[in-house]
Amino acid sequence: MSATERLDSEIRFHDGQARERAAWFGSRCEKLRFHDDAYLNHETWIRPAFDRLGSLDGLDVLDYGCGHGMASVVLARRGGRVTAFDLSGGYVAEARARADANGVAVDSVQADGERLPFADACFDRVWGNAVLHHLDLRRAASELKRVLRPGGRAVFCEPWGENPLLEWARRYLPYAGKQRTPHEEPFRSMHIAQLRAIFPQVETRGFQLLSMVRRVARGRWISSLEGWDRRLLERWPRLQLYARYMVFTLHV
């Protein structure tokens, strides 16, 4: 698949998702309003990953691949001057509507993460969730470093693919939210190497080892697995290699 075909495929896929969401929201802007916890607690890695950004007061912050725009709102509520972009025009429209509904200022634009329309060294912080694994990482990471100021920091949460059992489940088991674009692949160790070739410091932290079963099961017992995950991953960090998601903190 050529780069142009890949780009067109991504736009069609995500615009389709955005149309479905727009039909559900309709004209009822109250459905767009939310408290921060609704976003920060929707997956176990989101809140600790957000904490890696540090204080945002007065900083220029980029929501990279903003999707539905919930992260943009939380970033703005934390004091950041937020710019958001997404490849999908439909998602940009939803992100704008959500920012308006929640009374925060967010500049939003439709753009490609491999060709950012921003000046050099214009952001202090960058946030992204489940977006880099859709892109040519070398191109995206080079652009990312270009727009970050010296001393800046980017935090990304990406699906991780070094657990063979998890990869089998991703391929064969049905579960909610399984929809994928044709070419996307979870991150692997080689992607960390690519990031380290561009950024002077790359930190990683894995999330959801036992508790990854929440994708195919429900129950109060899942919370006990999350507790076990915290203990296991802190005591034996190498087990993070088999986690479901990895959080990357990139320093310039």
Foldseek 3Di string as FASTA:
>chain_A
DDPVVLLVLVQVVLLVVLVVVCVVCPPPLVVLDDDLCVVQVPDPVRVVLVVVQPQAAPFAEEAEQCFQQSVVQVSQVSHHAYEYEHQYPSRQVNNVSSCVSHVGDYHYDYDDLLDDPDAFQAGQEYEYEADCLSDPNLSNLQVVNRNHHAFGKYKYKWFADQAVVVVVCLVPPDFPPSDDRPDGDTDAPVSVVSNVVRFVDKDKQAAAQPLVCVRPDDDPCSVVVRVVRVVVCVVPVVSSNNGGMMMMMGHD
